Amino acid sequence: VYQAQAQAQGAEYFDAEFPELDRVT
């Protein structure tokens, strides 16, 4: 994960580029 892009796009970026990440529900 590129932190700056994650901060700019949030869930949209995570879900599109790194869908296998675990998460805190």
PDBML (XML) file of the C-alpha atoms, coordinates in Angstrom:
<?xml version="1.0" encoding="UTF-8" ?>
<PDBx:datablock datablockName="MODEL"
   xmlns:PDBx="http://pdbml.pdb.org/schema/pdbx-v50.xsd"
   xmlns:xsi="http://www.w3.org/2001/XMLSchema-instance"
   xsi:schemaLocation="http://pdbml.pdb.org/schema/pdbx-v50.xsd pdbx-v50.xsd">
   <PDBx:atom_siteCategory>
      <PDBx:atom_site id="1">
         <PDBx:B_iso_or_equiv>0.00</PDBx:B_iso_or_equiv>
         <PDBx:Cartn_x>0.000</PDBx:Cartn_x>
         <PDBx:Cartn_y>0.000</PDBx:Cartn_y>
         <PDBx:Cartn_z>0.000</PDBx:Cartn_z>
         <PDBx:auth_asym_id>A</PDBx:auth_asym_id>
         <PDBx:auth_atom_id>CA</PDBx:auth_atom_id>
         <PDBx:auth_comp_id>VAL</PDBx:auth_comp_id>
         <PDBx:auth_seq_id>1</PDBx:auth_seq_id>
         <PDBx:group_PDB>ATOM</PDBx:group_PDB>
         <PDBx:label_alt_id xsi:nil="true" />
         <PDBx:label_asym_id>A</PDBx:label_asym_id>
         <PDBx:label_atom_id>CA</PDBx:label_atom_id>
         <PDBx:label_comp_id>VAL</PDBx:label_comp_id>
         <PDBx:label_entity_id>1</PDBx:label_entity_id>
         <PDBx:label_seq_id>1</PDBx:label_seq_id>
         <PDBx:occupancy>1.00</PDBx:occupancy>
         <PDBx:pdbx_PDB_model_num>1</PDBx:pdbx_PDB_model_num>
         <PDBx:type_symbol>C</PDBx:type_symbol>
      </PDBx:atom_site>
      <PDBx:atom_site id="2">
         <PDBx:B_iso_or_equiv>0.00</PDBx:B_iso_or_equiv>
         <PDBx:Cartn_x>1.176</PDBx:Cartn_x>
         <PDBx:Cartn_y>3.487</PDBx:Cartn_y>
         <PDBx:Cartn_z>-0.983</PDBx:Cartn_z>
         <PDBx:auth_asym_id>A</PDBx:auth_asym_id>
         <PDBx:auth_atom_id>CA</PDBx:auth_atom_id>
         <PDBx:auth_comp_id>TYR</PDBx:auth_comp_id>
         <PDBx:auth_seq_id>2</PDBx:auth_seq_id>
         <PDBx:group_PDB>ATOM</PDBx:group_PDB>
         <PDBx:label_alt_id xsi:nil="true" />
         <PDBx:label_asym_id>A</PDBx:label_asym_id>
         <PDBx:label_atom_id>CA</PDBx:label_atom_id>
         <PDBx:label_comp_id>TYR</PDBx:label_comp_id>
         <PDBx:label_entity_id>1</PDBx:label_entity_id>
         <PDBx:label_seq_id>2</PDBx:label_seq_id>
         <PDBx:occupancy>1.00</PDBx:occupancy>
         <PDBx:pdbx_PDB_model_num>1</PDBx:pdbx_PDB_model_num>
         <PDBx:type_symbol>C</PDBx:type_symbol>
      </PDBx:atom_site>
      <PDBx:atom_site id="3">
         <PDBx:B_iso_or_equiv>0.00</PDBx:B_iso_or_equiv>
         <PDBx:Cartn_x>0.168</PDBx:Cartn_x>
         <PDBx:Cartn_y>5.527</PDBx:Cartn_y>
         <PDBx:Cartn_z>2.056</PDBx:Cartn_z>
         <PDBx:auth_asym_id>A</PDBx:auth_asym_id>
         <PDBx:auth_atom_id>CA</PDBx:auth_atom_id>
         <PDBx:auth_comp_id>GLN</PDBx:auth_comp_id>
         <PDBx:auth_seq_id>3</PDBx:auth_seq_id>
         <PDBx:group_PDB>ATOM</PDBx:group_PDB>
         <PDBx:label_alt_id xsi:nil="true" />
         <PDBx:label_asym_id>A</PDBx:label_asym_id>
         <PDBx:label_atom_id>CA</PDBx:label_atom_id>
         <PDBx:label_comp_id>GLN</PDBx:label_comp_id>
         <PDBx:label_entity_id>1</PDBx:label_entity_id>
         <PDBx:label_seq_id>3</PDBx:label_seq_id>
         <PDBx:occupancy>1.00</PDBx:occupancy>
         <PDBx:pdbx_PDB_model_num>1</PDBx:pdbx_PDB_model_num>
         <PDBx:type_symbol>C</PDBx:type_symbol>
      </PDBx:atom_site>
      <PDBx:atom_site id="4">
         <PDBx:B_iso_or_equiv>0.00</PDBx:B_iso_or_equiv>
         <PDBx:Cartn_x>-0.313</PDBx:Cartn_x>
         <PDBx:Cartn_y>8.867</PDBx:Cartn_y>
         <PDBx:Cartn_z>0.295</PDBx:Cartn_z>
         <PDBx:auth_asym_id>A</PDBx:auth_asym_id>
         <PDBx:auth_atom_id>CA</PDBx:auth_atom_id>
         <PDBx:auth_comp_id>ALA</PDBx:auth_comp_id>
         <PDBx:auth_seq_id>4</PDBx:auth_seq_id>
         <PDBx:group_PDB>ATOM</PDBx:group_PDB>
         <PDBx:label_alt_id xsi:nil="true" />
         <PDBx:label_asym_id>A</PDBx:label_asym_id>
         <PDBx:label_atom_id>CA</PDBx:label_atom_id>
         <PDBx:label_comp_id>ALA</PDBx:label_comp_id>
         <PDBx:label_entity_id>1</PDBx:label_entity_id>
         <PDBx:label_seq_id>4</PDBx:label_seq_id>
         <PDBx:occupancy>1.00</PDBx:occupancy>
         <PDBx:pdbx_PDB_model_num>1</PDBx:pdbx_PDB_model_num>
         <PDBx:type_symbol>C</PDBx:type_symbol>
      </PDBx:atom_site>
      <PDBx:atom_site id="5">
         <PDBx:B_iso_or_equiv>0.00</PDBx:B_iso_or_equiv>
         <PDBx:Cartn_x>-2.661</PDBx:Cartn_x>
         <PDBx:Cartn_y>7.344</PDBx:Cartn_y>
         <PDBx:Cartn_z>-2.260</PDBx:Cartn_z>
         <PDBx:auth_asym_id>A</PDBx:auth_asym_id>
         <PDBx:auth_atom_id>CA</PDBx:auth_atom_id>
         <PDBx:auth_comp_id>GLN</PDBx:auth_comp_id>
         <PDBx:auth_seq_id>5</PDBx:auth_seq_id>
         <PDBx:group_PDB>ATOM</PDBx:group_PDB>
         <PDBx:label_alt_id xsi:nil="true" />
         <PDBx:label_asym_id>A</PDBx:label_asym_id>
         <PDBx:label_atom_id>CA</PDBx:label_atom_id>
         <PDBx:label_comp_id>GLN</PDBx:label_comp_id>
         <PDBx:label_entity_id>1</PDBx:label_entity_id>
         <PDBx:label_seq_id>5</PDBx:label_seq_id>
         <PDBx:occupancy>1.00</PDBx:occupancy>
         <PDBx:pdbx_PDB_model_num>1</PDBx:pdbx_PDB_model_num>
         <PDBx:type_symbol>C</PDBx:type_symbol>
      </PDBx:atom_site>
      <PDBx:atom_site id="6">
         <PDBx:B_iso_or_equiv>0.00</PDBx:B_iso_or_equiv>
         <PDBx:Cartn_x>-4.557</PDBx:Cartn_x>
         <PDBx:Cartn_y>5.473</PDBx:Cartn_y>
         <PDBx:Cartn_z>0.450</PDBx:Cartn_z>
         <PDBx:auth_asym_id>A</PDBx:auth_asym_id>
         <PDBx:auth_atom_id>CA</PDBx:auth_atom_id>
         <PDBx:auth_comp_id>ALA</PDBx:auth_comp_id>
         <PDBx:auth_seq_id>6</PDBx:auth_seq_id>
         <PDBx:group_PDB>ATOM</PDBx:group_PDB>
         <PDBx:label_alt_id xsi:nil="true" />
         <PDBx:label_asym_id>A</PDBx:label_asym_id>
         <PDBx:label_atom_id>CA</PDBx:label_atom_id>
         <PDBx:label_comp_id>ALA</PDBx:label_comp_id>
         <PDBx:label_entity_id>1</PDBx:label_entity_id>
         <PDBx:label_seq_id>6</PDBx:label_seq_id>
         <PDBx:occupancy>1.00</PDBx:occupancy>
         <PDBx:pdbx_PDB_model_num>1</PDBx:pdbx_PDB_model_num>
         <PDBx:type_symbol>C</PDBx:type_symbol>
      </PDBx:atom_site>
      <PDBx:atom_site id="7">
         <PDBx:B_iso_or_equiv>0.00</PDBx:B_iso_or_equiv>
         <PDBx:Cartn_x>-5.049</PDBx:Cartn_x>
         <PDBx:Cartn_y>8.732</PDBx:Cartn_y>
         <PDBx:Cartn_z>2.350</PDBx:Cartn_z>
         <PDBx:auth_asym_id>A</PDBx:auth_asym_id>
         <PDBx:auth_atom_id>CA</PDBx:auth_atom_id>
         <PDBx:auth_comp_id>GLN</PDBx:auth_comp_id>
         <PDBx:auth_seq_id>7</PDBx:auth_seq_id>
         <PDBx:group_PDB>ATOM</PDBx:group_PDB>
         <PDBx:label_alt_id xsi:nil="true" />
         <PDBx:label_asym_id>A</PDBx:label_asym_id>
         <PDBx:label_atom_id>CA</PDBx:label_atom_id>
         <PDBx:label_comp_id>GLN</PDBx:label_comp_id>
         <PDBx:label_entity_id>1</PDBx:label_entity_id>
         <PDBx:label_seq_id>7</PDBx:label_seq_id>
         <PDBx:occupancy>1.00</PDBx:occupancy>
         <PDBx:pdbx_PDB_model_num>1</PDBx:pdbx_PDB_model_num>
         <PDBx:type_symbol>C</PDBx:type_symbol>
      </PDBx:atom_site>
      <PDBx:atom_site id="8">
         <PDBx:B_iso_or_equiv>0.00</PDBx:B_iso_or_equiv>
         <PDBx:Cartn_x>-6.300</PDBx:Cartn_x>
         <PDBx:Cartn_y>10.441</PDBx:Cartn_y>
         <PDBx:Cartn_z>-0.813</PDBx:Cartn_z>
         <PDBx:auth_asym_id>A</PDBx:auth_asym_id>
         <PDBx:auth_atom_id>CA</PDBx:auth_atom_id>
         <PDBx:auth_comp_id>ALA</PDBx:auth_comp_id>
         <PDBx:auth_seq_id>8</PDBx:auth_seq_id>
         <PDBx:group_PDB>ATOM</PDBx:group_PDB>
         <PDBx:label_alt_id xsi:nil="true" />
         <PDBx:label_asym_id>A</PDBx:label_asym_id>
         <PDBx:label_atom_id>CA</PDBx:label_atom_id>
         <PDBx:label_comp_id>ALA</PDBx:label_comp_id>
         <PDBx:label_entity_id>1</PDBx:label_entity_id>
         <PDBx:label_seq_id>8</PDBx:label_seq_id>
         <PDBx:occupancy>1.00</PDBx:occupancy>
         <PDBx:pdbx_PDB_model_num>1</PDBx:pdbx_PDB_model_num>
         <PDBx:type_symbol>C</PDBx:type_symbol>
      </PDBx:atom_site>
      <PDBx:atom_site id="9">
         <PDBx:B_iso_or_equiv>0.00</PDBx:B_iso_or_equiv>
         <PDBx:Cartn_x>-8.718</PDBx:Cartn_x>
         <PDBx:Cartn_y>7.713</PDBx:Cartn_y>
         <PDBx:Cartn_z>-1.937</PDBx:Cartn_z>
         <PDBx:auth_asym_id>A</PDBx:auth_asym_id>
         <PDBx:auth_atom_id>CA</PDBx:auth_atom_id>
         <PDBx:auth_comp_id>GLN</PDBx:auth_comp_id>
         <PDBx:auth_seq_id>9</PDBx:auth_seq_id>
         <PDBx:group_PDB>ATOM</PDBx:group_PDB>
         <PDBx:label_alt_id xsi:nil="true" />
         <PDBx:label_asym_id>A</PDBx:label_asym_id>
         <PDBx:label_atom_id>CA</PDBx:label_atom_id>
         <PDBx:label_comp_id>GLN</PDBx:label_comp_id>
         <PDBx:label_entity_id>1</PDBx:label_entity_id>
         <PDBx:label_seq_id>9</PDBx:label_seq_id>
         <PDBx:occupancy>1.00</PDBx:occupancy>
         <PDBx:pdbx_PDB_model_num>1</PDBx:pdbx_PDB_model_num>
         <PDBx:type_symbol>C</PDBx:type_symbol>
      </PDBx:atom_site>
      <PDBx:atom_site id="10">
         <PDBx:B_iso_or_equiv>0.00</PDBx:B_iso_or_equiv>
         <PDBx:Cartn_x>-9.511</PDBx:Cartn_x>
         <PDBx:Cartn_y>5.680</PDBx:Cartn_y>
         <PDBx:Cartn_z>1.164</PDBx:Cartn_z>
         <PDBx:auth_asym_id>A</PDBx:auth_asym_id>
         <PDBx:auth_atom_id>CA</PDBx:auth_atom_id>
         <PDBx:auth_comp_id>GLY</PDBx:auth_comp_id>
         <PDBx:auth_seq_id>10</PDBx:auth_seq_id>
         <PDBx:group_PDB>ATOM</PDBx:group_PDB>
         <PDBx:label_alt_id xsi:nil="true" />
         <PDBx:label_asym_id>A</PDBx:label_asym_id>
         <PDBx:label_atom_id>CA</PDBx:label_atom_id>
         <PDBx:label_comp_id>GLY</PDBx:label_comp_id>
         <PDBx:label_entity_id>1</PDBx:label_entity_id>
         <PDBx:label_seq_id>10</PDBx:label_seq_id>
         <PDBx:occupancy>1.00</PDBx:occupancy>
         <PDBx:pdbx_PDB_model_num>1</PDBx:pdbx_PDB_model_num>
         <PDBx:type_symbol>C</PDBx:type_symbol>
      </PDBx:atom_site>
      <PDBx:atom_site id="11">
         <PDBx:B_iso_or_equiv>0.00</PDBx:B_iso_or_equiv>
         <PDBx:Cartn_x>-11.621</PDBx:Cartn_x>
         <PDBx:Cartn_y>2.531</PDBx:Cartn_y>
         <PDBx:Cartn_z>0.807</PDBx:Cartn_z>
         <PDBx:auth_asym_id>A</PDBx:auth_asym_id>
         <PDBx:auth_atom_id>CA</PDBx:auth_atom_id>
         <PDBx:auth_comp_id>ALA</PDBx:auth_comp_id>
         <PDBx:auth_seq_id>11</PDBx:auth_seq_id>
         <PDBx:group_PDB>ATOM</PDBx:group_PDB>
         <PDBx:label_alt_id xsi:nil="true" />
         <PDBx:label_asym_id>A</PDBx:label_asym_id>
         <PDBx:label_atom_id>CA</PDBx:label_atom_id>
         <PDBx:label_comp_id>ALA</PDBx:label_comp_id>
         <PDBx:label_entity_id>1</PDBx:label_entity_id>
         <PDBx:label_seq_id>11</PDBx:label_seq_id>
         <PDBx:occupancy>1.00</PDBx:occupancy>
         <PDBx:pdbx_PDB_model_num>1</PDBx:pdbx_PDB_model_num>
         <PDBx:type_symbol>C</PDBx:type_symbol>
      </PDBx:atom_site>
      <PDBx:atom_site id="12">
         <PDBx:B_iso_or_equiv>0.00</PDBx:B_iso_or_equiv>
         <PDBx:Cartn_x>-11.849</PDBx:Cartn_x>
         <PDBx:Cartn_y>2.933</PDBx:Cartn_y>
         <PDBx:Cartn_z>-2.974</PDBx:Cartn_z>
         <PDBx:auth_asym_id>A</PDBx:auth_asym_id>
         <PDBx:auth_atom_id>CA</PDBx:auth_atom_id>
         <PDBx:auth_comp_id>GLU</PDBx:auth_comp_id>
         <PDBx:auth_seq_id>12</PDBx:auth_seq_id>
         <PDBx:group_PDB>ATOM</PDBx:group_PDB>
         <PDBx:label_alt_id xsi:nil="true" />
         <PDBx:label_asym_id>A</PDBx:label_asym_id>
         <PDBx:label_atom_id>CA</PDBx:label_atom_id>
         <PDBx:label_comp_id>GLU</PDBx:label_comp_id>
         <PDBx:label_entity_id>1</PDBx:label_entity_id>
         <PDBx:label_seq_id>12</PDBx:label_seq_id>
         <PDBx:occupancy>1.00</PDBx:occupancy>
         <PDBx:pdbx_PDB_model_num>1</PDBx:pdbx_PDB_model_num>
         <PDBx:type_symbol>C</PDBx:type_symbol>
      </PDBx:atom_site>
      <PDBx:atom_site id="13">
         <PDBx:B_iso_or_equiv>0.00</PDBx:B_iso_or_equiv>
         <PDBx:Cartn_x>-8.095</PDBx:Cartn_x>
         <PDBx:Cartn_y>2.476</PDBx:Cartn_y>
         <PDBx:Cartn_z>-3.320</PDBx:Cartn_z>
         <PDBx:auth_asym_id>A</PDBx:auth_asym_id>
         <PDBx:auth_atom_id>CA</PDBx:auth_atom_id>
         <PDBx:auth_comp_id>TYR</PDBx:auth_comp_id>
         <PDBx:auth_seq_id>13</PDBx:auth_seq_id>
         <PDBx:group_PDB>ATOM</PDBx:group_PDB>
         <PDBx:label_alt_id xsi:nil="true" />
         <PDBx:label_asym_id>A</PDBx:label_asym_id>
         <PDBx:label_atom_id>CA</PDBx:label_atom_id>
         <PDBx:label_comp_id>TYR</PDBx:label_comp_id>
         <PDBx:label_entity_id>1</PDBx:label_entity_id>
         <PDBx:label_seq_id>13</PDBx:label_seq_id>
         <PDBx:occupancy>1.00</PDBx:occupancy>
         <PDBx:pdbx_PDB_model_num>1</PDBx:pdbx_PDB_model_num>
         <PDBx:type_symbol>C</PDBx:type_symbol>
      </PDBx:atom_site>
      <PDBx:atom_site id="14">
         <PDBx:B_iso_or_equiv>0.00</PDBx:B_iso_or_equiv>
         <PDBx:Cartn_x>-7.845</PDBx:Cartn_x>
         <PDBx:Cartn_y>-0.343</PDBx:Cartn_y>
         <PDBx:Cartn_z>-0.798</PDBx:Cartn_z>
         <PDBx:auth_asym_id>A</PDBx:auth_asym_id>
         <PDBx:auth_atom_id>CA</PDBx:auth_atom_id>
         <PDBx:auth_comp_id>PHE</PDBx:auth_comp_id>
         <PDBx:auth_seq_id>14</PDBx:auth_seq_id>
         <PDBx:group_PDB>ATOM</PDBx:group_PDB>
         <PDBx:label_alt_id xsi:nil="true" />
         <PDBx:label_asym_id>A</PDBx:label_asym_id>
         <PDBx:label_atom_id>CA</PDBx:label_atom_id>
         <PDBx:label_comp_id>PHE</PDBx:label_comp_id>
         <PDBx:label_entity_id>1</PDBx:label_entity_id>
         <PDBx:label_seq_id>14</PDBx:label_seq_id>
         <PDBx:occupancy>1.00</PDBx:occupancy>
         <PDBx:pdbx_PDB_model_num>1</PDBx:pdbx_PDB_model_num>
         <PDBx:type_symbol>C</PDBx:type_symbol>
      </PDBx:atom_site>
      <PDBx:atom_site id="15">
         <PDBx:B_iso_or_equiv>0.00</PDBx:B_iso_or_equiv>
         <PDBx:Cartn_x>-10.674</PDBx:Cartn_x>
         <PDBx:Cartn_y>-2.338</PDBx:Cartn_y>
         <PDBx:Cartn_z>-2.360</PDBx:Cartn_z>
         <PDBx:auth_asym_id>A</PDBx:auth_asym_id>
         <PDBx:auth_atom_id>CA</PDBx:auth_atom_id>
         <PDBx:auth_comp_id>ASP</PDBx:auth_comp_id>
         <PDBx:auth_seq_id>15</PDBx:auth_seq_id>
         <PDBx:group_PDB>ATOM</PDBx:group_PDB>
         <PDBx:label_alt_id xsi:nil="true" />
         <PDBx:label_asym_id>A</PDBx:label_asym_id>
         <PDBx:label_atom_id>CA</PDBx:label_atom_id>
         <PDBx:label_comp_id>ASP</PDBx:label_comp_id>
         <PDBx:label_entity_id>1</PDBx:label_entity_id>
         <PDBx:label_seq_id>15</PDBx:label_seq_id>
         <PDBx:occupancy>1.00</PDBx:occupancy>
         <PDBx:pdbx_PDB_model_num>1</PDBx:pdbx_PDB_model_num>
         <PDBx:type_symbol>C</PDBx:type_symbol>
      </PDBx:atom_site>
      <PDBx:atom_site id="16">
         <PDBx:B_iso_or_equiv>0.00</PDBx:B_iso_or_equiv>
         <PDBx:Cartn_x>-9.480</PDBx:Cartn_x>
         <PDBx:Cartn_y>-1.890</PDBx:Cartn_y>
         <PDBx:Cartn_z>-5.920</PDBx:Cartn_z>
         <PDBx:auth_asym_id>A</PDBx:auth_asym_id>
         <PDBx:auth_atom_id>CA</PDBx:auth_atom_id>
         <PDBx:auth_comp_id>ALA</PDBx:auth_comp_id>
         <PDBx:auth_seq_id>16</PDBx:auth_seq_id>
         <PDBx:group_PDB>ATOM</PDBx:group_PDB>
         <PDBx:label_alt_id xsi:nil="true" />
         <PDBx:label_asym_id>A</PDBx:label_asym_id>
         <PDBx:label_atom_id>CA</PDBx:label_atom_id>
         <PDBx:label_comp_id>ALA</PDBx:label_comp_id>
         <PDBx:label_entity_id>1</PDBx:label_entity_id>
         <PDBx:label_seq_id>16</PDBx:label_seq_id>
         <PDBx:occupancy>1.00</PDBx:occupancy>
         <PDBx:pdbx_PDB_model_num>1</PDBx:pdbx_PDB_model_num>
         <PDBx:type_symbol>C</PDBx:type_symbol>
      </PDBx:atom_site>
      <PDBx:atom_site id="17">
         <PDBx:B_iso_or_equiv>0.00</PDBx:B_iso_or_equiv>
         <PDBx:Cartn_x>-5.763</PDBx:Cartn_x>
         <PDBx:Cartn_y>-2.505</PDBx:Cartn_y>
         <PDBx:Cartn_z>-5.424</PDBx:Cartn_z>
         <PDBx:auth_asym_id>A</PDBx:auth_asym_id>
         <PDBx:auth_atom_id>CA</PDBx:auth_atom_id>
         <PDBx:auth_comp_id>GLU</PDBx:auth_comp_id>
         <PDBx:auth_seq_id>17</PDBx:auth_seq_id>
         <PDBx:group_PDB>ATOM</PDBx:group_PDB>
         <PDBx:label_alt_id xsi:nil="true" />
         <PDBx:label_asym_id>A</PDBx:label_asym_id>
         <PDBx:label_atom_id>CA</PDBx:label_atom_id>
         <PDBx:label_comp_id>GLU</PDBx:label_comp_id>
         <PDBx:label_entity_id>1</PDBx:label_entity_id>
         <PDBx:label_seq_id>17</PDBx:label_seq_id>
         <PDBx:occupancy>1.00</PDBx:occupancy>
         <PDBx:pdbx_PDB_model_num>1</PDBx:pdbx_PDB_model_num>
         <PDBx:type_symbol>C</PDBx:type_symbol>
      </PDBx:atom_site>
      <PDBx:atom_site id="18">
         <PDBx:B_iso_or_equiv>0.00</PDBx:B_iso_or_equiv>
         <PDBx:Cartn_x>-5.484</PDBx:Cartn_x>
         <PDBx:Cartn_y>-4.598</PDBx:Cartn_y>
         <PDBx:Cartn_z>-2.247</PDBx:Cartn_z>
         <PDBx:auth_asym_id>A</PDBx:auth_asym_id>
         <PDBx:auth_atom_id>CA</PDBx:auth_atom_id>
         <PDBx:auth_comp_id>PHE</PDBx:auth_comp_id>
         <PDBx:auth_seq_id>18</PDBx:auth_seq_id>
         <PDBx:group_PDB>ATOM</PDBx:group_PDB>
         <PDBx:label_alt_id xsi:nil="true" />
         <PDBx:label_asym_id>A</PDBx:label_asym_id>
         <PDBx:label_atom_id>CA</PDBx:label_atom_id>
         <PDBx:label_comp_id>PHE</PDBx:label_comp_id>
         <PDBx:label_entity_id>1</PDBx:label_entity_id>
         <PDBx:label_seq_id>18</PDBx:label_seq_id>
         <PDBx:occupancy>1.00</PDBx:occupancy>
         <PDBx:pdbx_PDB_model_num>1</PDBx:pdbx_PDB_model_num>
         <PDBx:type_symbol>C</PDBx:type_symbol>
      </PDBx:atom_site>
      <PDBx:atom_site id="19">
         <PDBx:B_iso_or_equiv>0.00</PDBx:B_iso_or_equiv>
         <PDBx:Cartn_x>-8.729</PDBx:Cartn_x>
         <PDBx:Cartn_y>-6.569</PDBx:Cartn_y>
         <PDBx:Cartn_z>-1.882</PDBx:Cartn_z>
         <PDBx:auth_asym_id>A</PDBx:auth_asym_id>
         <PDBx:auth_atom_id>CA</PDBx:auth_atom_id>
         <PDBx:auth_comp_id>PRO</PDBx:auth_comp_id>
         <PDBx:auth_seq_id>19</PDBx:auth_seq_id>
         <PDBx:group_PDB>ATOM</PDBx:group_PDB>
         <PDBx:label_alt_id xsi:nil="true" />
         <PDBx:label_asym_id>A</PDBx:label_asym_id>
         <PDBx:label_atom_id>CA</PDBx:label_atom_id>
         <PDBx:label_comp_id>PRO</PDBx:label_comp_id>
         <PDBx:label_entity_id>1</PDBx:label_entity_id>
         <PDBx:label_seq_id>19</PDBx:label_seq_id>
         <PDBx:occupancy>1.00</PDBx:occupancy>
         <PDBx:pdbx_PDB_model_num>1</PDBx:pdbx_PDB_model_num>
         <PDBx:type_symbol>C</PDBx:type_symbol>
      </PDBx:atom_site>
      <PDBx:atom_site id="20">
         <PDBx:B_iso_or_equiv>0.00</PDBx:B_iso_or_equiv>
         <PDBx:Cartn_x>-7.234</PDBx:Cartn_x>
         <PDBx:Cartn_y>-9.330</PDBx:Cartn_y>
         <PDBx:Cartn_z>0.283</PDBx:Cartn_z>
         <PDBx:auth_asym_id>A</PDBx:auth_asym_id>
         <PDBx:auth_atom_id>CA</PDBx:auth_atom_id>
         <PDBx:auth_comp_id>GLU</PDBx:auth_comp_id>
         <PDBx:auth_seq_id>20</PDBx:auth_seq_id>
         <PDBx:group_PDB>ATOM</PDBx:group_PDB>
         <PDBx:label_alt_id xsi:nil="true" />
         <PDBx:label_asym_id>A</PDBx:label_asym_id>
         <PDBx:label_atom_id>CA</PDBx:label_atom_id>
         <PDBx:label_comp_id>GLU</PDBx:label_comp_id>
         <PDBx:label_entity_id>1</PDBx:label_entity_id>
         <PDBx:label_seq_id>20</PDBx:label_seq_id>
         <PDBx:occupancy>1.00</PDBx:occupancy>
         <PDBx:pdbx_PDB_model_num>1</PDBx:pdbx_PDB_model_num>
         <PDBx:type_symbol>C</PDBx:type_symbol>
      </PDBx:atom_site>
      <PDBx:atom_site id="21">
         <PDBx:B_iso_or_equiv>0.00</PDBx:B_iso_or_equiv>
         <PDBx:Cartn_x>-6.324</PDBx:Cartn_x>
         <PDBx:Cartn_y>-7.065</PDBx:Cartn_y>
         <PDBx:Cartn_z>3.191</PDBx:Cartn_z>
         <PDBx:auth_asym_id>A</PDBx:auth_asym_id>
         <PDBx:auth_atom_id>CA</PDBx:auth_atom_id>
         <PDBx:auth_comp_id>LEU</PDBx:auth_comp_id>
         <PDBx:auth_seq_id>21</PDBx:auth_seq_id>
         <PDBx:group_PDB>ATOM</PDBx:group_PDB>
         <PDBx:label_alt_id xsi:nil="true" />
         <PDBx:label_asym_id>A</PDBx:label_asym_id>
         <PDBx:label_atom_id>CA</PDBx:label_atom_id>
         <PDBx:label_comp_id>LEU</PDBx:label_comp_id>
         <PDBx:label_entity_id>1</PDBx:label_entity_id>
         <PDBx:label_seq_id>21</PDBx:label_seq_id>
         <PDBx:occupancy>1.00</PDBx:occupancy>
         <PDBx:pdbx_PDB_model_num>1</PDBx:pdbx_PDB_model_num>
         <PDBx:type_symbol>C</PDBx:type_symbol>
      </PDBx:atom_site>
      <PDBx:atom_site id="22">
         <PDBx:B_iso_or_equiv>0.00</PDBx:B_iso_or_equiv>
         <PDBx:Cartn_x>-7.804</PDBx:Cartn_x>
         <PDBx:Cartn_y>-7.944</PDBx:Cartn_y>
         <PDBx:Cartn_z>6.545</PDBx:Cartn_z>
         <PDBx:auth_asym_id>A</PDBx:auth_asym_id>
         <PDBx:auth_atom_id>CA</PDBx:auth_atom_id>
         <PDBx:auth_comp_id>ASP</PDBx:auth_comp_id>
         <PDBx:auth_seq_id>22</PDBx:auth_seq_id>
         <PDBx:group_PDB>ATOM</PDBx:group_PDB>
         <PDBx:label_alt_id xsi:nil="true" />
         <PDBx:label_asym_id>A</PDBx:label_asym_id>
         <PDBx:label_atom_id>CA</PDBx:label_atom_id>
         <PDBx:label_comp_id>ASP</PDBx:label_comp_id>
         <PDBx:label_entity_id>1</PDBx:label_entity_id>
         <PDBx:label_seq_id>22</PDBx:label_seq_id>
         <PDBx:occupancy>1.00</PDBx:occupancy>
         <PDBx:pdbx_PDB_model_num>1</PDBx:pdbx_PDB_model_num>
         <PDBx:type_symbol>C</PDBx:type_symbol>
      </PDBx:atom_site>
      <PDBx:atom_site id="23">
         <PDBx:B_iso_or_equiv>0.00</PDBx:B_iso_or_equiv>
         <PDBx:Cartn_x>-9.705</PDBx:Cartn_x>
         <PDBx:Cartn_y>-5.171</PDBx:Cartn_y>
         <PDBx:Cartn_z>8.268</PDBx:Cartn_z>
         <PDBx:auth_asym_id>A</PDBx:auth_asym_id>
         <PDBx:auth_atom_id>CA</PDBx:auth_atom_id>
         <PDBx:auth_comp_id>ARG</PDBx:auth_comp_id>
         <PDBx:auth_seq_id>23</PDBx:auth_seq_id>
         <PDBx:group_PDB>ATOM</PDBx:group_PDB>
         <PDBx:label_alt_id xsi:nil="true" />
         <PDBx:label_asym_id>A</PDBx:label_asym_id>
         <PDBx:label_atom_id>CA</PDBx:label_atom_id>
         <PDBx:label_comp_id>ARG</PDBx:label_comp_id>
         <PDBx:label_entity_id>1</PDBx:label_entity_id>
         <PDBx:label_seq_id>23</PDBx:label_seq_id>
         <PDBx:occupancy>1.00</PDBx:occupancy>
         <PDBx:pdbx_PDB_model_num>1</PDBx:pdbx_PDB_model_num>
         <PDBx:type_symbol>C</PDBx:type_symbol>
      </PDBx:atom_site>
      <PDBx:atom_site id="24">
         <PDBx:B_iso_or_equiv>0.00</PDBx:B_iso_or_equiv>
         <PDBx:Cartn_x>-11.032</PDBx:Cartn_x>
         <PDBx:Cartn_y>-4.021</PDBx:Cartn_y>
         <PDBx:Cartn_z>11.601</PDBx:Cartn_z>
         <PDBx:auth_asym_id>A</PDBx:auth_asym_id>
         <PDBx:auth_atom_id>CA</PDBx:auth_atom_id>
         <PDBx:auth_comp_id>VAL</PDBx:auth_comp_id>
         <PDBx:auth_seq_id>24</PDBx:auth_seq_id>
         <PDBx:group_PDB>ATOM</PDBx:group_PDB>
         <PDBx:label_alt_id xsi:nil="true" />
         <PDBx:label_asym_id>A</PDBx:label_asym_id>
         <PDBx:label_atom_id>CA</PDBx:label_atom_id>
         <PDBx:label_comp_id>VAL</PDBx:label_comp_id>
         <PDBx:label_entity_id>1</PDBx:label_entity_id>
         <PDBx:label_seq_id>24</PDBx:label_seq_id>
         <PDBx:occupancy>1.00</PDBx:occupancy>
         <PDBx:pdbx_PDB_model_num>1</PDBx:pdbx_PDB_model_num>
         <PDBx:type_symbol>C</PDBx:type_symbol>
      </PDBx:atom_site>
      <PDBx:atom_site id="25">
         <PDBx:B_iso_or_equiv>0.00</PDBx:B_iso_or_equiv>
         <PDBx:Cartn_x>-14.805</PDBx:Cartn_x>
         <PDBx:Cartn_y>-4.282</PDBx:Cartn_y>
         <PDBx:Cartn_z>11.331</PDBx:Cartn_z>
         <PDBx:auth_asym_id>A</PDBx:auth_asym_id>
         <PDBx:auth_atom_id>CA</PDBx:auth_atom_id>
         <PDBx:auth_comp_id>THR</PDBx:auth_comp_id>
         <PDBx:auth_seq_id>25</PDBx:auth_seq_id>
         <PDBx:group_PDB>ATOM</PDBx:group_PDB>
         <PDBx:label_alt_id xsi:nil="true" />
         <PDBx:label_asym_id>A</PDBx:label_asym_id>
         <PDBx:label_atom_id>CA</PDBx:label_atom_id>
         <PDBx:label_comp_id>THR</PDBx:label_comp_id>
         <PDBx:label_entity_id>1</PDBx:label_entity_id>
         <PDBx:label_seq_id>25</PDBx:label_seq_id>
         <PDBx:occupancy>1.00</PDBx:occupancy>
         <PDBx:pdbx_PDB_model_num>1</PDBx:pdbx_PDB_model_num>
         <PDBx:type_symbol>C</PDBx:type_symbol>
      </PDBx:atom_site>
   </PDBx:atom_siteCategory>
</PDBx:datablock>
